[in-house]
C-alpha atoms as a PDB file:
ATOM      1  CA  MET A   1       2.971 -28.633  28.418  1.00  0.00           C
ATOM      2  CA  PRO A   2       5.057 -25.607  27.750  1.00  0.00           C
ATOM      3  CA  GLN A   3       3.032 -22.609  27.273  1.00  0.00           C
ATOM      4  CA  LEU A   4       3.270 -20.770  23.793  1.00  0.00           C
ATOM      5  CA  ASN A   5       4.572 -17.562  23.584  1.00  0.00           C
ATOM      6  CA  PRO A   6       2.894 -15.322  20.958  1.00  0.00           C
ATOM      7  CA  ASN A   7       5.382 -12.332  21.170  1.00  0.00           C
ATOM      8  CA  PRO A   8       7.690 -13.218  18.461  1.00  0.00           C
ATOM      9  CA  TRP A   9       4.498 -14.265  15.805  1.00  0.00           C
ATOM     10  CA  PHE A  10       3.129 -10.850  16.791  1.00  0.00           C
ATOM     11  CA  LEU A  11       6.273  -8.981  16.302  1.00  0.00           C
ATOM     12  CA  ILE A  12       6.309 -11.004  13.120  1.00  0.00           C
ATOM     13  CA  MET A  13       3.004 -10.181  12.083  1.00  0.00           C
ATOM     14  CA  ALA A  14       3.248  -6.536  12.877  1.00  0.00           C
ATOM     15  CA  LEU A  15       6.548  -5.788  10.879  1.00  0.00           C
ATOM     16  CA  THR A  16       5.179  -7.429   7.736  1.00  0.00           C
ATOM     17  CA  TRP A  17       1.982  -5.618   7.773  1.00  0.00           C
ATOM     18  CA  LEU A  18       4.139  -2.372   8.455  1.00  0.00           C
ATOM     19  CA  SER A  19       6.495  -3.401   5.509  1.00  0.00           C
ATOM     20  CA  LEU A  20       3.670  -3.812   3.027  1.00  0.00           C
ATOM     21  CA  THR A  21       1.775  -0.760   4.365  1.00  0.00           C
ATOM     22  CA  LEU A  22       4.589   1.085   3.763  1.00  0.00           C
ATOM     23  CA  LEU A  23       5.791  -0.172   0.268  1.00  0.00           C
ATOM     24  CA  PHE A  24       1.906   0.673  -0.794  1.00  0.00           C
ATOM     25  CA  LEU A  25       2.439   3.811   0.236  1.00  0.00           C
ATOM     26  CA  THR A  26       5.811   4.651  -1.550  1.00  0.00           C
ATOM     27  CA  LYS A  27       4.442   2.985  -4.549  1.00  0.00           C
ATOM     28  CA  LEU A  28       1.043   5.301  -4.413  1.00  0.00           C
ATOM     29  CA  LEU A  29       3.198   7.909  -4.036  1.00  0.00           C
ATOM     30  CA  LEU A  30       5.434   7.514  -6.875  1.00  0.00           C
ATOM     31  CA  THR A  31       2.778   6.472  -8.943  1.00  0.00           C
ATOM     32  CA  THR A  32       0.632  10.111  -7.962  1.00  0.00           C
ATOM     33  CA  LEU A  33       3.834  11.926  -8.607  1.00  0.00           C
ATOM     34  CA  THR A  34       4.974  10.146 -12.064  1.00  0.00           C
ATOM     35  CA  ASN A  35       1.339  10.038 -13.284  1.00  0.00           C
ATOM     36  CA  PRO A  36      -0.804  13.006 -11.878  1.00  0.00           C
ATOM     37  CA  PRO A  37      -4.463  13.026 -12.163  1.00  0.00           C
ATOM     38  CA  SER A  38      -5.960  14.430 -15.343  1.00  0.00           C
ATOM     39  CA  PRO A  39      -7.540  18.256 -15.328  1.00  0.00           C
ATOM     40  CA  HIS A  40     -10.486  16.806 -16.822  1.00  0.00           C
ATOM     41  CA  LEU A  41     -12.099  16.049 -13.609  1.00  0.00           C
ATOM     42  CA  ASN A  42     -15.804  16.191 -15.398  1.00  0.00           C
ATOM     43  CA  THR A  43     -14.593  12.744 -16.740  1.00  0.00           C
ATOM     44  CA  PRO A  44     -14.497  10.365 -14.207  1.00  0.00           C
ATOM     45  CA  SER A  45     -15.495   7.260 -16.234  1.00  0.00           C
ATOM     46  CA  THR A  46     -11.690   6.922 -17.637  1.00  0.00           C
ATOM     47  CA  PRO A  47      -9.417   7.899 -15.139  1.00  0.00           C
ATOM     48  CA  ASN A  48      -5.471   7.684 -16.028  1.00  0.00           C
ATOM     49  CA  TRP A  49      -4.594   6.493 -12.366  1.00  0.00           C
ATOM     50  CA  THR A  50      -3.352   2.911 -12.340  1.00  0.00           C
ATOM     51  CA  TRP A  51      -3.394   0.433  -9.208  1.00  0.00           C
ATOM     52  CA  PRO A  52       0.065   0.879  -7.654  1.00  0.00           C
ATOM     53  CA  TRP A  53       0.569  -3.270  -7.559  1.00  0.00           C
ATOM     54  CA  THR A  54      -0.303  -3.484 -11.662  1.00  0.00           C
END
């Protein structure tokens, strides 16, 4: 029975997580630049910051 080589799967998973992380950071950066935080920092109950994946 041939031994399975996990290297290709590990590479695929690593690239997938790296891509998702870069995509999340890019969306987060764009959201922060296009929608700056509110100057009223004393009202944290109503933040105008939205999740990047929505």
